[in-house]
Amino acid sequence: MEVGEISKGKDKIIVAVREFKGKEYVDIRTHFENNEGEWIPTKKGITFSPESLDEMIDILKTAKKKVSDKEQ
């Protein structure tokens, strides 16, 4: 189930919730558009278990704060 996307030039990054072996994961992956207009996932991406997702969100918030502090 796709939950969001970000444009990246001709490609896009898609955030999705996926199931694998009966467990749900959050997948963040670059996709490209093929000749038929379908968005195809690439190997460029990362998958998080629900347990590690909160930790990654905290890390990203810290990174955002550091970037924001440097811009001021």
PDB file of N, CA and C in Angstrom:
ATOM      1  N   MET A   1       0.841  -1.170   0.000  1.00  0.00           N
ATOM      2  CA  MET A   1       0.000   0.000   0.000  1.00  0.00           C
ATOM      3  C   MET A   1       0.893   1.242   0.000  1.00  0.00           C
ATOM      4  N   GLU A   2       0.798   2.030  -1.040  1.00  0.00           N
ATOM      5  CA  GLU A   2       1.580   3.263  -1.152  1.00  0.00           C
ATOM      6  C   GLU A   2       1.020   4.313  -0.201  1.00  0.00           C
ATOM      7  N   VAL A   3       1.918   4.996   0.528  1.00  0.00           N
ATOM      8  CA  VAL A   3       1.468   6.029   1.465  1.00  0.00           C
ATOM      9  C   VAL A   3       1.961   7.425   1.098  1.00  0.00           C
ATOM     10  N   GLY A   4       2.915   7.523   0.163  1.00  0.00           N
ATOM     11  CA  GLY A   4       3.381   8.832  -0.257  1.00  0.00           C
ATOM     12  C   GLY A   4       4.508   8.719  -1.261  1.00  0.00           C
ATOM     13  N   GLU A   5       4.793   9.851  -1.901  1.00  0.00           N
ATOM     14  CA  GLU A   5       5.876   9.879  -2.888  1.00  0.00           C
ATOM     15  C   GLU A   5       6.491  11.252  -2.966  1.00  0.00           C
ATOM     16  N   ILE A   6       7.761  11.278  -3.413  1.00  0.00           N
ATOM     17  CA  ILE A   6       8.507  12.515  -3.598  1.00  0.00           C
ATOM     18  C   ILE A   6       9.143  12.455  -4.982  1.00  0.00           C
ATOM     19  N   SER A   7       8.994  13.525  -5.757  1.00  0.00           N
ATOM     20  CA  SER A   7       9.626  13.573  -7.076  1.00  0.00           C
ATOM     21  C   SER A   7      11.130  13.691  -6.919  1.00  0.00           C
ATOM     22  N   LYS A   8      11.854  13.003  -7.814  1.00  0.00           N
ATOM     23  CA  LYS A   8      13.320  13.043  -7.816  1.00  0.00           C
ATOM     24  C   LYS A   8      13.764  13.066  -9.273  1.00  0.00           C
ATOM     25  N   GLY A   9      13.726  14.241  -9.884  1.00  0.00           N
ATOM     26  CA  GLY A   9      14.029  14.346 -11.306  1.00  0.00           C
ATOM     27  C   GLY A   9      13.000  13.593 -12.112  1.00  0.00           C
ATOM     28  N   LYS A  10      13.444  12.697 -12.990  1.00  0.00           N
ATOM     29  CA  LYS A  10      12.520  11.876 -13.783  1.00  0.00           C
ATOM     30  C   LYS A  10      11.975  10.705 -12.970  1.00  0.00           C
ATOM     31  N   ASP A  11      12.625  10.402 -11.853  1.00  0.00           N
ATOM     32  CA  ASP A  11      12.213   9.291 -11.001  1.00  0.00           C
ATOM     33  C   ASP A  11      11.354   9.805  -9.858  1.00  0.00           C
ATOM     34  N   LYS A  12      10.926   8.886  -9.004  1.00  0.00           N
ATOM     35  CA  LYS A  12      10.265   9.293  -7.774  1.00  0.00           C
ATOM     36  C   LYS A  12      10.586   8.298  -6.672  1.00  0.00           C
ATOM     37  N   ILE A  13      10.537   8.795  -5.449  1.00  0.00           N
ATOM     38  CA  ILE A  13      10.739   7.964  -4.273  1.00  0.00           C
ATOM     39  C   ILE A  13       9.360   7.655  -3.719  1.00  0.00           C
ATOM     40  N   ILE A  14       9.063   6.378  -3.574  1.00  0.00           N
ATOM     41  CA  ILE A  14       7.756   5.961  -3.084  1.00  0.00           C
ATOM     42  C   ILE A  14       7.917   5.329  -1.706  1.00  0.00           C
ATOM     43  N   VAL A  15       7.084   5.777  -0.771  1.00  0.00           N
ATOM     44  CA  VAL A  15       7.029   5.193   0.565  1.00  0.00           C
ATOM     45  C   VAL A  15       5.795   4.302   0.596  1.00  0.00           C
ATOM     46  N   ALA A  16       6.002   3.044   0.986  1.00  0.00           N
ATOM     47  CA  ALA A  16       4.899   2.082   0.981  1.00  0.00           C
ATOM     48  C   ALA A  16       4.996   1.151   2.180  1.00  0.00           C
ATOM     49  N   VAL A  17       3.848   0.628   2.583  1.00  0.00           N
ATOM     50  CA  VAL A  17       3.796  -0.430   3.592  1.00  0.00           C
ATOM     51  C   VAL A  17       3.625  -1.732   2.825  1.00  0.00           C
ATOM     52  N   ARG A  18       4.531  -2.663   3.063  1.00  0.00           N
ATOM     53  CA  ARG A  18       4.513  -3.943   2.349  1.00  0.00           C
ATOM     54  C   ARG A  18       4.566  -5.094   3.351  1.00  0.00           C
ATOM     55  N   GLU A  19       4.106  -6.244   2.899  1.00  0.00           N
ATOM     56  CA  GLU A  19       4.150  -7.438   3.734  1.00  0.00           C
ATOM     57  C   GLU A  19       5.142  -8.428   3.141  1.00  0.00           C
ATOM     58  N   PHE A  20       5.930  -9.057   4.032  1.00  0.00           N
ATOM     59  CA  PHE A  20       6.873 -10.079   3.612  1.00  0.00           C
ATOM     60  C   PHE A  20       6.912 -11.148   4.690  1.00  0.00           C
ATOM     61  N   LYS A  21       6.643 -12.369   4.303  1.00  0.00           N
ATOM     62  CA  LYS A  21       6.615 -13.503   5.232  1.00  0.00           C
ATOM     63  C   LYS A  21       5.716 -13.231   6.433  1.00  0.00           C
ATOM     64  N   GLY A  22       4.568 -12.629   6.174  1.00  0.00           N
ATOM     65  CA  GLY A  22       3.575 -12.400   7.220  1.00  0.00           C
ATOM     66  C   GLY A  22       3.827 -11.204   8.113  1.00  0.00           C
ATOM     67  N   LYS A  23       4.886 -10.423   7.840  1.00  0.00           N
ATOM     68  CA  LYS A  23       5.190  -9.240   8.645  1.00  0.00           C
ATOM     69  C   LYS A  23       5.122  -7.999   7.771  1.00  0.00           C
ATOM     70  N   GLU A  24       4.689  -6.886   8.367  1.00  0.00           N
ATOM     71  CA  GLU A  24       4.619  -5.626   7.627  1.00  0.00           C
ATOM     72  C   GLU A  24       5.918  -4.850   7.785  1.00  0.00           C
ATOM     73  N   TYR A  25       6.300  -4.165   6.715  1.00  0.00           N
ATOM     74  CA  TYR A  25       7.492  -3.342   6.683  1.00  0.00           C
ATOM     75  C   TYR A  25       7.184  -2.031   5.972  1.00  0.00           C
ATOM     76  N   VAL A  26       8.010  -1.016   6.264  1.00  0.00           N
ATOM     77  CA  VAL A  26       7.928   0.252   5.539  1.00  0.00           C
ATOM     78  C   VAL A  26       9.066   0.254   4.533  1.00  0.00           C
ATOM     79  N   ASP A  27       8.729   0.426   3.264  1.00  0.00           N
ATOM     80  CA  ASP A  27       9.701   0.397   2.176  1.00  0.00           C
ATOM     81  C   ASP A  27       9.804   1.784   1.564  1.00  0.00           C
ATOM     82  N   ILE A  28      11.022   2.311   1.464  1.00  0.00           N
ATOM     83  CA  ILE A  28      11.291   3.609   0.837  1.00  0.00           C
ATOM     84  C   ILE A  28      12.216   3.318  -0.333  1.00  0.00           C
ATOM     85  N   ARG A  29      11.719   3.515  -1.556  1.00  0.00           N
ATOM     86  CA  ARG A  29      12.461   3.033  -2.719  1.00  0.00           C
ATOM     87  C   ARG A  29      12.297   3.983  -3.909  1.00  0.00           C
ATOM     88  N   THR A  30      13.390   4.145  -4.679  1.00  0.00           N
ATOM     89  CA  THR A  30      13.348   4.896  -5.926  1.00  0.00           C
ATOM     90  C   THR A  30      12.659   4.044  -6.998  1.00  0.00           C
ATOM     91  N   HIS A  31      11.807   4.675  -7.790  1.00  0.00           N
ATOM     92  CA  HIS A  31      11.106   4.023  -8.896  1.00  0.00           C
ATOM     93  C   HIS A  31      11.378   4.811 -10.175  1.00  0.00           C
ATOM     94  N   PHE A  32      11.378   4.123 -11.306  1.00  0.00           N
ATOM     95  CA  PHE A  32      11.499   4.791 -12.601  1.00  0.00           C
ATOM     96  C   PHE A  32      10.302   4.405 -13.465  1.00  0.00           C
ATOM     97  N   GLU A  33      10.002   5.259 -14.426  1.00  0.00           N
ATOM     98  CA  GLU A  33       8.869   5.011 -15.319  1.00  0.00           C
ATOM     99  C   GLU A  33       9.358   4.277 -16.562  1.00  0.00           C
ATOM    100  N   ASN A  34       8.771   3.116 -16.849  1.00  0.00           N
ATOM    101  CA  ASN A  34       9.176   2.359 -18.037  1.00  0.00           C
ATOM    102  C   ASN A  34       8.440   2.882 -19.273  1.00  0.00           C
ATOM    103  N   ASN A  35       8.687   2.277 -20.424  1.00  0.00           N
ATOM    104  CA  ASN A  35       8.094   2.736 -21.687  1.00  0.00           C
ATOM    105  C   ASN A  35       6.577   2.626 -21.720  1.00  0.00           C
ATOM    106  N   GLU A  36       6.011   1.747 -20.884  1.00  0.00           N
ATOM    107  CA  GLU A  36       4.556   1.583 -20.829  1.00  0.00           C
ATOM    108  C   GLU A  36       3.902   2.522 -19.818  1.00  0.00           C
ATOM    109  N   GLY A  37       4.692   3.364 -19.166  1.00  0.00           N
ATOM    110  CA  GLY A  37       4.156   4.311 -18.196  1.00  0.00           C
ATOM    111  C   GLY A  37       3.975   3.735 -16.801  1.00  0.00           C
ATOM    112  N   GLU A  38       4.531   2.554 -16.557  1.00  0.00           N
ATOM    113  CA  GLU A  38       4.436   1.941 -15.235  1.00  0.00           C
ATOM    114  C   GLU A  38       5.642   2.345 -14.388  1.00  0.00           C
ATOM    115  N   TRP A  39       5.423   2.531 -13.087  1.00  0.00           N
ATOM    116  CA  TRP A  39       6.507   2.875 -12.178  1.00  0.00           C
ATOM    117  C   TRP A  39       7.100   1.587 -11.621  1.00  0.00           C
ATOM    118  N   ILE A  40       8.392   1.372 -11.882  1.00  0.00           N
ATOM    119  CA  ILE A  40       9.093   0.141 -11.542  1.00  0.00           C
ATOM    120  C   ILE A  40      10.081   0.420 -10.408  1.00  0.00           C
ATOM    121  N   PRO A  41      10.067  -0.398  -9.349  1.00  0.00           N
ATOM    122  CA  PRO A  41      11.024  -0.185  -8.246  1.00  0.00           C
ATOM    123  C   PRO A  41      12.448  -0.545  -8.662  1.00  0.00           C
ATOM    124  N   THR A  42      13.415   0.184  -8.097  1.00  0.00           N
ATOM    125  CA  THR A  42      14.824  -0.107  -8.327  1.00  0.00           C
ATOM    126  C   THR A  42      15.405  -0.762  -7.071  1.00  0.00           C
ATOM    127  N   LYS A  43      16.683  -1.093  -7.131  1.00  0.00           N
ATOM    128  CA  LYS A  43      17.363  -1.630  -5.956  1.00  0.00           C
ATOM    129  C   LYS A  43      17.728  -0.529  -4.967  1.00  0.00           C
ATOM    130  N   LYS A  44      17.596   0.728  -5.405  1.00  0.00           N
ATOM    131  CA  LYS A  44      17.962   1.863  -4.559  1.00  0.00           C
ATOM    132  C   LYS A  44      16.825   2.136  -3.570  1.00  0.00           C
ATOM    133  N   GLY A  45      17.001   1.672  -2.352  1.00  0.00           N
ATOM    134  CA  GLY A  45      15.978   1.883  -1.342  1.00  0.00           C
ATOM    135  C   GLY A  45      16.345   1.191  -0.058  1.00  0.00           C
ATOM    136  N   ILE A  46      15.428   1.307   0.891  1.00  0.00           N
ATOM    137  CA  ILE A  46      15.648   0.712   2.204  1.00  0.00           C
ATOM    138  C   ILE A  46      14.306   0.295   2.779  1.00  0.00           C
ATOM    139  N   THR A  47      14.334  -0.772   3.573  1.00  0.00           N
ATOM    140  CA  THR A  47      13.127  -1.288   4.200  1.00  0.00           C
ATOM    141  C   THR A  47      13.329  -1.294   5.708  1.00  0.00           C
ATOM    142  N   PHE A  48      12.319  -0.823   6.430  1.00  0.00           N
ATOM    143  CA  PHE A  48      12.372  -0.751   7.883  1.00  0.00           C
ATOM    144  C   PHE A  48      11.323  -1.658   8.509  1.00  0.00           C
ATOM    145  N   SER A  49      11.711  -2.326   9.579  1.00  0.00           N
ATOM    146  CA  SER A  49      10.722  -3.039  10.377  1.00  0.00           C
ATOM    147  C   SER A  49       9.997  -1.994  11.222  1.00  0.00           C
ATOM    148  N   PRO A  50       8.792  -2.288  11.677  1.00  0.00           N
ATOM    149  CA  PRO A  50       8.084  -1.331  12.531  1.00  0.00           C
ATOM    150  C   PRO A  50       8.886  -0.970  13.788  1.00  0.00           C
ATOM    151  N   GLU A  51       9.663  -1.921  14.301  1.00  0.00           N
ATOM    152  CA  GLU A  51      10.448  -1.674  15.511  1.00  0.00           C
ATOM    153  C   GLU A  51      11.543  -0.625  15.290  1.00  0.00           C
ATOM    154  N   SER A  52      12.139  -0.596  14.122  1.00  0.00           N
ATOM    155  CA  SER A  52      13.225   0.363  13.874  1.00  0.00           C
ATOM    156  C   SER A  52      12.733   1.667  13.251  1.00  0.00           C
ATOM    157  N   LEU A  53      11.482   1.725  12.881  1.00  0.00           N
ATOM    158  CA  LEU A  53      10.955   2.914  12.208  1.00  0.00           C
ATOM    159  C   LEU A  53      10.958   4.137  13.119  1.00  0.00           C
ATOM    160  N   ASP A  54      10.549   3.997  14.386  1.00  0.00           N
ATOM    161  CA  ASP A  54      10.541   5.141  15.307  1.00  0.00           C
ATOM    162  C   ASP A  54      11.947   5.696  15.503  1.00  0.00           C
ATOM    163  N   GLU A  55      12.929   4.803  15.590  1.00  0.00           N
ATOM    164  CA  GLU A  55      14.309   5.241  15.748  1.00  0.00           C
ATOM    165  C   GLU A  55      14.779   6.019  14.518  1.00  0.00           C
ATOM    166  N   MET A  56      14.419   5.559  13.323  1.00  0.00           N
ATOM    167  CA  MET A  56      14.805   6.260  12.103  1.00  0.00           C
ATOM    168  C   MET A  56      14.119   7.623  12.026  1.00  0.00           C
ATOM    169  N   ILE A  57      12.877   7.701  12.436  1.00  0.00           N
ATOM    170  CA  ILE A  57      12.177   8.993  12.438  1.00  0.00           C
ATOM    171  C   ILE A  57      12.886   9.972  13.361  1.00  0.00           C
ATOM    172  N   ASP A  58      13.300   9.512  14.539  1.00  0.00           N
ATOM    173  CA  ASP A  58      14.036  10.381  15.472  1.00  0.00           C
ATOM    174  C   ASP A  58      15.351  10.854  14.851  1.00  0.00           C
ATOM    175  N   ILE A  59      16.061   9.964  14.176  1.00  0.00           N
ATOM    176  CA  ILE A  59      17.327  10.330  13.529  1.00  0.00           C
ATOM    177  C   ILE A  59      17.085  11.375  12.435  1.00  0.00           C
ATOM    178  N   LEU A  60      16.040  11.178  11.641  1.00  0.00           N
ATOM    179  CA  LEU A  60      15.724  12.142  10.583  1.00  0.00           C
ATOM    180  C   LEU A  60      15.320  13.500  11.158  1.00  0.00           C
ATOM    181  N   LYS A  61      14.608  13.509  12.275  1.00  0.00           N
ATOM    182  CA  LYS A  61      14.242  14.777  12.928  1.00  0.00           C
ATOM    183  C   LYS A  61      15.504  15.502  13.405  1.00  0.00           C
ATOM    184  N   THR A  62      16.463  14.754  13.950  1.00  0.00           N
ATOM    185  CA  THR A  62      17.722  15.341  14.392  1.00  0.00           C
ATOM    186  C   THR A  62      18.478  15.921  13.200  1.00  0.00           C
ATOM    187  N   ALA A  63      18.521  15.189  12.098  1.00  0.00           N
ATOM    188  CA  ALA A  63      19.189  15.688  10.888  1.00  0.00           C
ATOM    189  C   ALA A  63      18.514  16.953  10.380  1.00  0.00           C
ATOM    190  N   LYS A  64      17.192  16.980  10.386  1.00  0.00           N
ATOM    191  CA  LYS A  64      16.449  18.162   9.931  1.00  0.00           C
ATOM    192  C   LYS A  64      16.771  19.362  10.807  1.00  0.00           C
ATOM    193  N   LYS A  65      16.836  19.156  12.125  1.00  0.00           N
ATOM    194  CA  LYS A  65      17.150  20.247  13.035  1.00  0.00           C
ATOM    195  C   LYS A  65      18.550  20.777  12.779  1.00  0.00           C
ATOM    196  N   LYS A  66      19.524  19.881  12.562  1.00  0.00           N
ATOM    197  CA  LYS A  66      20.898  20.323  12.302  1.00  0.00           C
ATOM    198  C   LYS A  66      20.982  21.137  11.013  1.00  0.00           C
ATOM    199  N   VAL A  67      20.268  20.710   9.971  1.00  0.00           N
ATOM    200  CA  VAL A  67      20.259  21.451   8.702  1.00  0.00           C
ATOM    201  C   VAL A  67      19.584  22.811   8.902  1.00  0.00           C
ATOM    202  N   SER A  68      18.474  22.820   9.622  1.00  0.00           N
ATOM    203  CA  SER A  68      17.746  24.076   9.875  1.00  0.00           C
ATOM    204  C   SER A  68      18.594  25.045  10.679  1.00  0.00           C
ATOM    205  N   ASP A  69      19.327  24.527  11.677  1.00  0.00           N
ATOM    206  CA  ASP A  69      20.176  25.388  12.511  1.00  0.00           C
ATOM    207  C   ASP A  69      21.285  26.012  11.688  1.00  0.00           C
ATOM    208  N   LYS A  70      21.845  25.297  10.731  1.00  0.00           N
ATOM    209  CA  LYS A  70      22.931  25.827   9.886  1.00  0.00           C
ATOM    210  C   LYS A  70      22.423  26.885   8.927  1.00  0.00           C
ATOM    211  N   GLU A  71      21.146  26.787   8.519  1.00  0.00           N
ATOM    212  CA  GLU A  71      20.593  27.737   7.556  1.00  0.00           C
ATOM    213  C   GLU A  71      20.290  29.074   8.199  1.00  0.00           C
ATOM    214  N   GLN A  72      20.211  29.127   9.517  1.00  0.00           N
ATOM    215  CA  GLN A  72      19.850  30.379  10.198  1.00  0.00           C
ATOM    216  C   GLN A  72      21.035  31.210  10.545  1.00  0.00           C
TER     217      GLN A  72
END
